[in-house]
Amino acid sequence: CYIGSLGDVCRWLGPRAEALGVEIYPGFAAVEVLYGENGEVRGIATGDMGVGRDGKPKDSFTRGMELLGKYTLFAEGARGSLTKQLIAKFGLDKDREPSKFGIGLKEVWQIDPAKHKKGLIQHSFGWPLNMSTGGGSFLYHYNENLVAVGFVLHLNYNDPYLSPFEEFQRFKTHPRISPVFEGAKRIAYGARAITEGGYQSVPRLTFKGGALIGCAAGFVNVPRIKGVHNAMGTGMQAAEHVAAALAAGRTGDEIVEYENTWRDSAVGKDLFKVRNVKPLWSKFGTVIGVALGGLDMWTNTLFGFSLFGTQSHAKPDRKTLDPAKAHQPIPGPKPDGKLTFDRLSSVFLSNTNHEEDQPIHLKVADMNLQKTSEHDVFAGPSNRYCPAGVYEWVGEGADLRFQINAQNCVHCKTCDVKDPNGNITWVPPEGGGGPNYQSM
């Protein structure tokens, strides 16, 4: 196999797509779905540029653009802001299991050539997490002396004191892992929510004038920690059905053929065989749940049936936290600046940048609810689940306030998933803002 950076692959593909006539608009975020007279999707609008923190246009103000099409395919990735709106408007999640997510954290290191084993892949699950909390690691040796190390933590955990970032840092201290990074240099950091609901959580993919593709709909194969193949597969399927519709003179209707056929395609068959791994893991814990999930994959692969049918995910991730009084604070590893690090130095490596004089793109619907519930009941888990130090509770008593350091945001969208009241909504900031990942 070949190990490489998906970011590098996309940078390589970009000019080749443009050479074929594809128009690419980097730095312009889609912020609005545009609808026609009959409720069909007609396209999207990009965000306005040059709006101040107070919501008023600055001297640099530039109106966003309307991009219209006969059909619009949405490929926003996990927890897409427009995808959320489409699912709600068209009821695409009716009769589906709740969407499920994890958070993936990743670092890229340049290591001692003597320790580099190009092509080596290592996966693990469990430690440093307890046996009731799902998650695992990956470690890839690739290119010239580069190692990508990462940790994925399922966002249905119940301990509000748990910090995915700190557990990732703790993971690197394992005696089988830490020697790899002796004398090495950390060169990149990033984080992103990952879809984990799988087969039973995929919403209806089509609606009048458009469709969902890739991780916007949730096609990640959880036990294999891979989703790019299915993102590409669904993109190709949708494109083929759109091309056939255009050839037939259709426009703006529902491409039902895509919805009706994906479960019988290679993508559907890939997800069907592993559909119970996540719910069994969540229900029975790491030791028993993973063993049962392995058995289920085995029977599905070899015999085409499951002893467990199709398991339920039970409830969305935001509803899984226990009140803080049921748990104790978890001390994190002390950053040493060599192997373990703090959030702010990590965000620096993500090359994250936002225009500071713009509206905050992390919207809190009810600030009083944030105080009485997120803080008073759950002890402020936003300060811990965010991998970029965006959220802080500062002050005491009557002076206590919820501070949002929006300029730190790496656009992982974990807050949009894990806030216990669904009280935080991530929306795109001014176009071009956010992390600028290199070699990730």
Protein backbone atom coordinates (compact mmCIF):
# COMPACT_ATOMS: atom_id res chain seq x y z
CA CYS A 1 0.00 0.00 0.00
CA TYR A 2 0.98 3.64 -0.30
CA ILE A 3 0.64 6.13 2.56
CA GLY A 4 0.33 9.81 1.78
CA SER A 5 -1.24 13.08 2.81
CA LEU A 6 -4.82 13.59 1.64
CA GLY A 7 -4.16 17.33 1.70
CA ASP A 8 -1.27 16.83 -0.70
CA VAL A 9 -3.46 14.64 -2.92
CA CYS A 10 -6.13 17.36 -3.08
CA ARG A 11 -3.53 20.00 -3.91
CA TRP A 12 -2.29 17.73 -6.70
CA LEU A 13 -5.81 17.13 -8.00
CA GLY A 14 -6.85 20.80 -7.97
CA PRO A 15 -5.02 22.04 -11.08
CA ARG A 16 -5.87 18.86 -12.94
CA ALA A 17 -9.57 19.40 -12.25
CA GLU A 18 -9.27 23.01 -13.41
CA ALA A 19 -7.58 21.83 -16.60
CA LEU A 20 -10.74 19.81 -17.29
CA GLY A 21 -12.91 22.90 -16.91
CA VAL A 22 -13.85 22.63 -13.23
CA GLU A 23 -14.11 26.01 -11.49
CA ILE A 24 -12.77 25.99 -7.92
CA TYR A 25 -13.42 28.87 -5.50
CA PRO A 26 -11.06 28.52 -2.52
CA GLY A 27 -11.61 31.05 0.21
CA PHE A 28 -15.34 31.43 -0.43
CA ALA A 29 -17.52 29.66 2.11
CA ALA A 30 -21.07 28.58 1.20
CA VAL A 31 -23.37 30.07 3.85
CA GLU A 32 -26.87 29.84 2.40
CA VAL A 33 -28.95 27.37 0.40
CA LEU A 34 -30.93 29.01 -2.41
CA TYR A 35 -34.38 27.68 -3.26
CA GLY A 36 -36.65 28.03 -6.28
CA GLU A 37 -40.37 28.80 -6.45
CA ASN A 38 -41.31 25.15 -5.98
CA GLY A 39 -38.99 24.57 -3.03
CA GLU A 40 -36.25 22.97 -5.08
CA VAL A 41 -32.59 23.71 -4.36
CA ARG A 42 -31.16 26.06 -6.99
CA GLY A 43 -27.66 26.53 -5.61
CA ILE A 44 -25.82 28.30 -2.80
CA ALA A 45 -24.68 31.77 -1.83
CA THR A 46 -21.20 32.50 -0.53
CA GLY A 47 -20.72 34.66 2.55
CA ASP A 48 -20.30 38.41 2.56
CA MET A 49 -16.75 39.65 3.14
CA GLY A 50 -15.80 42.67 5.20
CA VAL A 51 -18.47 42.56 7.91
CA GLY A 52 -17.41 43.88 11.33
CA ARG A 53 -17.84 42.29 14.74
CA ASP A 54 -20.91 44.50 15.20
CA GLY A 55 -22.53 43.05 12.07
CA LYS A 56 -22.14 46.26 10.08
CA PRO A 57 -20.33 46.50 6.70
CA LYS A 58 -16.77 47.84 6.81
CA ASP A 59 -15.04 49.82 4.07
CA SER A 60 -13.80 46.50 2.66
CA PHE A 61 -17.31 45.03 2.39
CA THR A 62 -17.95 42.75 -0.59
CA ARG A 63 -21.27 41.02 -1.20
CA GLY A 64 -21.26 37.23 -1.53
CA MET A 65 -21.99 35.47 -4.81
CA GLU A 66 -24.89 33.29 -5.91
CA LEU A 67 -23.77 30.05 -7.54
CA LEU A 68 -26.67 28.38 -9.32
CA GLY A 69 -26.93 24.97 -10.93
CA LYS A 70 -29.39 22.51 -12.38
CA TYR A 71 -28.47 20.24 -9.46
CA THR A 72 -26.37 20.97 -6.36
CA LEU A 73 -24.35 18.28 -4.58
CA PHE A 74 -23.36 18.98 -0.97
CA ALA A 75 -19.99 17.61 0.14
CA GLU A 76 -19.32 19.59 3.33
CA GLY A 77 -17.84 16.77 5.36
CA ALA A 78 -18.93 15.82 8.87
CA ARG A 79 -21.56 18.06 10.49
CA GLY A 80 -21.87 20.39 7.51
CA SER A 81 -23.71 23.60 8.35
CA LEU A 82 -25.84 23.62 5.19
CA THR A 83 -26.30 19.85 5.35
CA LYS A 84 -27.87 20.27 8.81
CA GLN A 85 -30.34 22.76 7.35
CA LEU A 86 -31.22 20.49 4.43
CA ILE A 87 -31.75 17.47 6.69
CA ALA A 88 -34.11 19.51 8.86
CA LYS A 89 -35.99 21.18 5.99
CA PHE A 90 -36.61 18.01 3.99
CA GLY A 91 -36.86 15.60 6.93
CA LEU A 92 -34.02 13.51 5.53
CA ASP A 93 -33.37 11.82 8.88
CA LYS A 94 -36.91 10.45 9.24
CA ASP A 95 -36.88 6.76 10.25
CA ARG A 96 -33.08 6.85 10.58
CA GLU A 97 -30.91 6.29 13.63
CA PRO A 98 -29.31 9.39 15.23
CA SER A 99 -26.14 10.68 13.64
CA LYS A 100 -23.03 9.67 15.60
CA PHE A 101 -19.61 11.26 15.64
CA GLY A 102 -16.07 10.98 16.91
CA ILE A 103 -13.31 13.54 17.15
CA GLY A 104 -10.03 12.79 15.42
CA LEU A 105 -6.84 14.56 16.53
CA LYS A 106 -3.68 14.28 14.50
CA GLU A 107 -0.06 15.40 14.56
CA VAL A 108 2.66 15.06 11.94
CA TRP A 109 6.23 14.54 13.13
CA GLN A 110 9.62 14.49 11.48
CA ILE A 111 11.49 11.68 13.20
CA ASP A 112 15.00 10.21 13.40
CA PRO A 113 15.70 8.44 10.06
CA ALA A 114 17.01 5.45 12.03
CA LYS A 115 13.55 4.97 13.55
CA HIS A 116 11.57 5.50 10.36
CA LYS A 117 9.95 2.41 8.81
CA LYS A 118 8.30 3.62 5.64
CA GLY A 119 4.94 1.95 5.12
CA LEU A 120 4.50 0.85 8.75
CA ILE A 121 0.92 1.15 10.00
CA GLN A 122 -0.09 0.69 13.65
CA HIS A 123 -3.63 0.81 15.07
CA SER A 124 -4.80 0.39 18.65
CA PHE A 125 -7.88 0.86 20.79
CA GLY A 126 -8.40 1.24 24.51
CA TRP A 127 -5.64 2.86 26.57
CA PRO A 128 -5.54 5.55 27.88
CA LEU A 129 -9.35 5.44 27.79
CA ASN A 130 -11.34 3.34 30.23
CA MET A 131 -13.15 0.28 28.97
CA SER A 132 -16.51 2.05 28.67
CA THR A 133 -15.19 4.85 26.45
CA GLY A 134 -14.67 4.12 22.76
CA GLY A 135 -11.65 5.24 20.82
CA GLY A 136 -8.31 4.28 19.38
CA SER A 137 -5.14 5.40 17.67
CA PHE A 138 -3.28 5.31 14.39
CA LEU A 139 0.37 5.75 13.55
CA TYR A 140 1.65 5.86 9.94
CA HIS A 141 5.26 6.06 8.72
CA TYR A 142 5.34 7.72 5.30
CA ASN A 143 7.30 9.94 2.91
CA GLU A 144 10.77 10.99 4.06
CA ASN A 145 10.99 10.39 7.81
CA LEU A 146 7.43 11.56 8.50
CA VAL A 147 5.07 9.97 11.01
CA ALA A 148 1.39 10.81 11.34
CA VAL A 149 0.06 9.98 14.80
CA GLY A 150 -3.54 10.41 15.79
CA PHE A 151 -6.25 9.53 18.23
CA VAL A 152 -9.99 9.12 17.59
CA LEU A 153 -12.38 9.36 20.52
CA HIS A 154 -16.08 8.51 20.18
CA LEU A 155 -18.20 11.50 21.16
CA ASN A 156 -20.80 9.44 22.99
CA TYR A 157 -18.60 9.40 26.11
CA ASN A 158 -20.34 10.16 29.42
CA ASP A 159 -17.66 11.82 31.57
CA PRO A 160 -17.85 15.63 31.28
CA TYR A 161 -14.30 15.91 32.63
CA LEU A 162 -12.83 13.92 29.74
CA SER A 163 -10.58 15.89 27.39
CA PRO A 164 -9.92 14.29 23.97
CA PHE A 165 -6.88 16.53 23.47
CA GLU A 166 -5.29 15.52 26.77
CA GLU A 167 -6.01 11.82 26.20
CA PHE A 168 -4.24 12.13 22.85
CA GLN A 169 -1.23 13.70 24.55
CA ARG A 170 -1.31 10.96 27.19
CA PHE A 171 -1.43 8.26 24.50
CA LYS A 172 1.95 9.38 23.16
CA THR A 173 3.57 8.66 26.54
CA HIS A 174 2.96 4.90 26.21
CA PRO A 175 6.29 3.03 26.35
CA ARG A 176 5.61 1.43 22.97
CA ILE A 177 4.92 4.83 21.37
CA SER A 178 7.11 7.48 23.02
CA PRO A 179 10.48 6.11 21.74
CA VAL A 180 9.36 6.85 18.16
CA PHE A 181 9.34 10.56 18.98
CA GLU A 182 12.65 10.84 20.84
CA GLY A 183 14.68 13.56 19.15
CA ALA A 184 11.81 14.22 16.72
CA LYS A 185 10.13 17.48 15.73
CA ARG A 186 6.37 18.07 15.66
CA ILE A 187 5.50 20.00 12.47
CA ALA A 188 1.69 19.94 12.18
CA TYR A 189 -1.48 19.56 14.25
CA GLY A 190 -5.18 19.39 13.46
CA ALA A 191 -8.55 18.05 14.59
CA ARG A 192 -11.86 17.23 12.96
CA ALA A 193 -15.19 15.62 13.80
CA ILE A 194 -15.72 12.26 12.07
CA THR A 195 -19.03 10.62 11.18
CA GLU A 196 -19.53 7.28 12.95
CA GLY A 197 -23.24 6.45 12.57
CA GLY A 198 -22.73 4.29 9.50
CA TYR A 199 -25.34 2.35 7.59
CA GLN A 200 -28.34 2.91 9.85
CA SER A 201 -27.68 6.65 10.33
CA VAL A 202 -27.24 7.68 6.69
CA PRO A 203 -30.07 10.12 5.94
CA ARG A 204 -32.12 10.15 2.78
CA LEU A 205 -29.57 11.39 0.25
CA THR A 206 -31.77 13.18 -2.26
CA PHE A 207 -34.21 16.07 -2.39
CA LYS A 208 -35.50 18.32 -5.15
CA GLY A 209 -32.55 19.90 -6.87
CA GLY A 210 -29.73 18.20 -5.05
CA ALA A 211 -28.14 15.46 -2.99
CA LEU A 212 -25.70 14.73 -0.16
CA ILE A 213 -22.42 12.99 -0.87
CA GLY A 214 -19.42 11.80 1.15
CA CYS A 215 -19.04 12.50 4.84
CA ALA A 216 -21.83 15.09 4.72
CA ALA A 217 -24.08 12.02 4.77
CA GLY A 218 -21.82 9.83 6.93
CA PHE A 219 -20.18 7.04 4.95
CA VAL A 220 -17.20 6.33 7.24
CA ASN A 221 -16.34 2.69 7.88
CA VAL A 222 -15.71 2.98 11.63
CA PRO A 223 -13.73 -0.20 12.44
CA ARG A 224 -11.40 0.44 9.51
CA ILE A 225 -11.12 4.19 10.25
CA LYS A 226 -11.58 5.02 6.60
CA GLY A 227 -14.11 7.01 4.62
CA VAL A 228 -12.33 8.56 1.64
CA HIS A 229 -13.10 5.55 -0.53
CA ASN A 230 -16.83 5.84 0.19
CA ALA A 231 -16.79 9.62 -0.18
CA MET A 232 -15.33 9.18 -3.65
CA GLY A 233 -17.70 6.32 -4.41
CA THR A 234 -20.84 8.26 -3.51
CA GLY A 235 -19.56 11.30 -5.40
CA MET A 236 -19.13 9.16 -8.50
CA GLN A 237 -22.54 7.57 -8.09
CA ALA A 238 -24.28 10.92 -7.67
CA ALA A 239 -22.42 12.36 -10.66
CA GLU A 240 -23.45 9.45 -12.87
CA HIS A 241 -27.11 9.84 -11.93
CA VAL A 242 -26.99 13.61 -12.42
CA ALA A 243 -25.35 13.16 -15.82
CA ALA A 244 -28.11 10.73 -16.83
CA ALA A 245 -30.79 13.17 -15.64
CA LEU A 246 -29.25 16.06 -17.57
CA ALA A 247 -28.97 13.90 -20.67
CA ALA A 248 -32.71 13.20 -20.32
CA GLY A 249 -33.45 16.92 -20.15
CA ARG A 250 -34.29 16.94 -16.44
CA THR A 251 -33.45 19.74 -14.01
CA GLY A 252 -34.27 20.61 -10.42
CA ASP A 253 -36.14 17.38 -9.64
CA GLU A 254 -35.10 14.66 -7.18
CA ILE A 255 -32.39 12.25 -8.30
CA VAL A 256 -34.16 9.35 -6.61
CA GLU A 257 -32.05 6.83 -8.53
CA TYR A 258 -29.07 7.72 -6.35
CA GLU A 259 -31.04 7.21 -3.11
CA ASN A 260 -32.60 3.98 -4.38
CA THR A 261 -29.35 2.31 -5.43
CA TRP A 262 -26.56 3.26 -3.01
CA ARG A 263 -27.34 0.53 -0.47
CA ASP A 264 -26.83 -2.12 -3.17
CA SER A 265 -23.58 -0.52 -4.34
CA ALA A 266 -20.05 -1.22 -3.11
CA VAL A 267 -20.49 1.62 -0.60
CA GLY A 268 -23.68 0.17 0.87
CA LYS A 269 -22.22 -3.32 1.06
CA ASP A 270 -19.08 -1.98 2.76
CA LEU A 271 -21.10 -0.23 5.48
CA PHE A 272 -23.68 -2.99 5.92
CA LYS A 273 -21.08 -5.52 7.04
CA VAL A 274 -19.78 -3.26 9.81
CA ARG A 275 -23.06 -1.59 10.85
CA ASN A 276 -23.13 -3.09 14.35
CA VAL A 277 -19.53 -2.46 15.43
CA LYS A 278 -20.14 1.03 16.82
CA PRO A 279 -23.43 0.28 18.68
CA LEU A 280 -22.08 -2.97 20.15
CA TRP A 281 -18.91 -1.18 21.28
CA SER A 282 -21.00 1.57 22.87
CA LYS A 283 -23.39 -0.85 24.56
CA PHE A 284 -20.93 -3.44 25.91
CA GLY A 285 -17.63 -1.53 26.22
CA THR A 286 -14.26 -2.03 24.60
CA VAL A 287 -13.44 -5.63 25.57
CA ILE A 288 -16.80 -7.36 25.05
CA GLY A 289 -18.18 -4.87 22.52
CA VAL A 290 -15.21 -5.04 20.17
CA ALA A 291 -15.20 -8.85 20.39
CA LEU A 292 -18.89 -8.99 19.52
CA GLY A 293 -18.34 -6.47 16.73
CA GLY A 294 -15.57 -8.64 15.30
CA LEU A 295 -17.83 -11.70 15.43
CA ASP A 296 -20.58 -9.74 13.71
CA MET A 297 -18.25 -8.58 10.91
CA TRP A 298 -17.10 -12.18 10.49
CA THR A 299 -20.62 -13.60 10.11
CA ASN A 300 -21.67 -10.74 7.82
CA THR A 301 -18.63 -11.15 5.60
CA LEU A 302 -18.61 -14.94 5.36
CA PHE A 303 -22.29 -15.80 5.59
CA GLY A 304 -24.15 -12.58 4.84
CA PHE A 305 -26.12 -12.44 8.08
CA SER A 306 -25.88 -11.01 11.59
CA LEU A 307 -26.71 -12.62 14.90
CA PHE A 308 -27.64 -9.15 16.16
CA GLY A 309 -29.82 -7.86 13.33
CA THR A 310 -29.24 -4.12 12.99
CA GLN A 311 -28.43 -2.47 16.31
CA SER A 312 -29.66 0.96 17.41
CA HIS A 313 -27.43 3.89 18.36
CA ALA A 314 -29.94 4.85 21.08
CA LYS A 315 -29.42 8.61 21.33
CA PRO A 316 -27.39 11.49 19.88
CA ASP A 317 -23.96 12.27 21.31
CA ARG A 318 -25.06 15.49 22.99
CA LYS A 319 -27.36 13.51 25.29
CA THR A 320 -24.77 11.06 26.63
CA LEU A 321 -22.99 13.24 29.24
CA ASP A 322 -23.58 12.57 32.92
CA PRO A 323 -23.86 15.45 35.39
CA ALA A 324 -20.43 16.43 36.70
CA LYS A 325 -21.30 15.34 40.25
CA ALA A 326 -21.14 11.71 39.06
CA HIS A 327 -17.46 12.04 38.12
CA GLN A 328 -14.14 13.47 39.28
CA PRO A 329 -11.77 15.82 37.39
CA ILE A 330 -9.17 13.98 35.31
CA PRO A 331 -5.61 15.34 35.64
CA GLY A 332 -3.99 15.76 32.23
CA PRO A 333 -0.35 15.09 31.38
CA LYS A 334 1.86 18.10 31.98
CA PRO A 335 3.08 19.55 28.65
CA ASP A 336 6.84 19.17 28.34
CA GLY A 337 7.18 20.84 24.93
CA LYS A 338 8.95 17.78 23.57
CA LEU A 339 6.40 14.96 23.48
CA THR A 340 3.31 16.47 25.06
CA PHE A 341 1.96 19.95 24.35
CA ASP A 342 -0.74 22.42 25.26
CA ARG A 343 -3.62 23.50 23.03
CA LEU A 344 -2.37 26.95 22.08
CA SER A 345 1.02 25.80 20.82
CA SER A 346 -0.82 23.11 18.88
CA VAL A 347 -3.23 25.60 17.29
CA PHE A 348 -0.18 27.61 16.19
CA LEU A 349 0.98 24.60 14.16
CA SER A 350 -2.41 24.38 12.44
CA ASN A 351 -1.78 27.80 10.83
CA THR A 352 -5.23 28.87 11.96
CA ASN A 353 -6.13 32.45 11.17
CA HIS A 354 -9.36 34.44 11.30
CA GLU A 355 -10.05 38.10 10.65
CA GLU A 356 -10.65 39.27 14.23
CA ASP A 357 -13.08 42.05 13.32
CA GLN A 358 -15.91 39.82 12.10
CA PRO A 359 -19.03 38.32 13.69
CA ILE A 360 -18.27 35.34 15.93
CA HIS A 361 -19.02 32.20 13.92
CA LEU A 362 -19.85 30.08 16.99
CA LYS A 363 -23.44 30.91 17.86
CA VAL A 364 -24.75 30.37 21.41
CA ALA A 365 -28.54 30.31 21.26
CA ASP A 366 -29.21 30.87 24.97
CA MET A 367 -26.40 32.22 27.14
CA ASN A 368 -28.40 31.73 30.32
CA LEU A 369 -28.85 28.04 29.48
CA GLN A 370 -25.11 27.81 28.93
CA LYS A 371 -24.58 29.05 32.48
CA THR A 372 -27.30 27.07 34.29
CA SER A 373 -26.71 23.78 32.46
CA GLU A 374 -23.39 23.57 30.59
CA HIS A 375 -21.53 25.18 33.49
CA ASP A 376 -23.56 24.48 36.61
CA VAL A 377 -24.64 20.91 35.79
CA PHE A 378 -21.87 19.62 33.53
CA ALA A 379 -18.90 21.71 34.83
CA GLY A 380 -18.18 23.36 31.48
CA PRO A 381 -17.19 20.44 29.22
CA SER A 382 -16.69 22.83 26.27
CA ASN A 383 -13.40 23.83 27.86
CA ARG A 384 -12.29 20.21 27.53
CA TYR A 385 -13.94 18.75 24.41
CA CYS A 386 -12.69 21.64 22.26
CA PRO A 387 -9.19 20.76 20.95
CA ALA A 388 -8.27 24.38 20.28
CA GLY A 389 -8.95 26.31 23.49
CA VAL A 390 -11.90 28.19 22.03
CA TYR A 391 -14.18 28.06 25.08
CA GLU A 392 -13.47 29.30 28.59
CA TRP A 393 -15.47 30.10 31.70
CA VAL A 394 -13.80 33.15 33.22
CA GLY A 395 -14.52 35.13 36.37
CA GLU A 396 -16.48 34.08 39.44
CA GLY A 397 -19.92 34.59 40.93
CA ALA A 398 -21.82 37.44 39.31
CA ASP A 399 -18.82 38.11 37.03
CA LEU A 400 -18.76 34.57 35.57
CA ARG A 401 -18.99 34.65 31.78
CA PHE A 402 -18.63 32.31 28.82
CA GLN A 403 -15.71 33.46 26.68
CA ILE A 404 -15.40 32.40 23.04
CA ASN A 405 -11.92 32.68 21.52
CA ALA A 406 -13.22 32.24 17.99
CA GLN A 407 -9.87 33.07 16.39
CA ASN A 408 -8.50 29.74 17.74
CA CYS A 409 -11.17 27.61 16.04
CA VAL A 410 -9.81 24.79 13.85
CA HIS A 411 -13.30 24.06 12.46
CA CYS A 412 -13.55 20.58 13.96
CA LYS A 413 -17.25 21.20 14.79
CA THR A 414 -17.13 19.14 17.98
CA CYS A 415 -19.00 21.87 19.86
CA ASP A 416 -21.86 21.59 17.36
CA VAL A 417 -22.08 17.88 18.23
CA LYS A 418 -21.27 17.61 21.94
CA ASP A 419 -22.79 20.64 23.68
CA PRO A 420 -25.22 18.90 26.07
CA ASN A 421 -28.12 21.15 25.08
CA GLY A 422 -27.38 21.55 21.38
CA ASN A 423 -26.92 25.22 22.29
CA ILE A 424 -23.85 25.94 20.13
CA THR A 425 -24.06 26.13 16.34
CA TRP A 426 -20.99 26.35 14.12
CA VAL A 427 -21.42 28.49 11.00
CA PRO A 428 -18.78 29.37 8.41
CA PRO A 429 -16.64 32.39 9.29
CA GLU A 430 -15.55 34.91 6.71
CA GLY A 431 -14.22 33.06 3.68
CA GLY A 432 -10.61 31.97 3.87
CA GLY A 433 -10.55 31.89 7.68
CA GLY A 434 -9.63 28.80 9.65
CA PRO A 435 -6.82 26.27 9.67
CA ASN A 436 -4.38 26.05 6.77
CA TYR A 437 -3.13 22.51 7.11
CA GLN A 438 0.17 21.46 5.61
CA SER A 439 1.09 17.78 5.15
CA MET A 440 -2.06 16.66 7.00
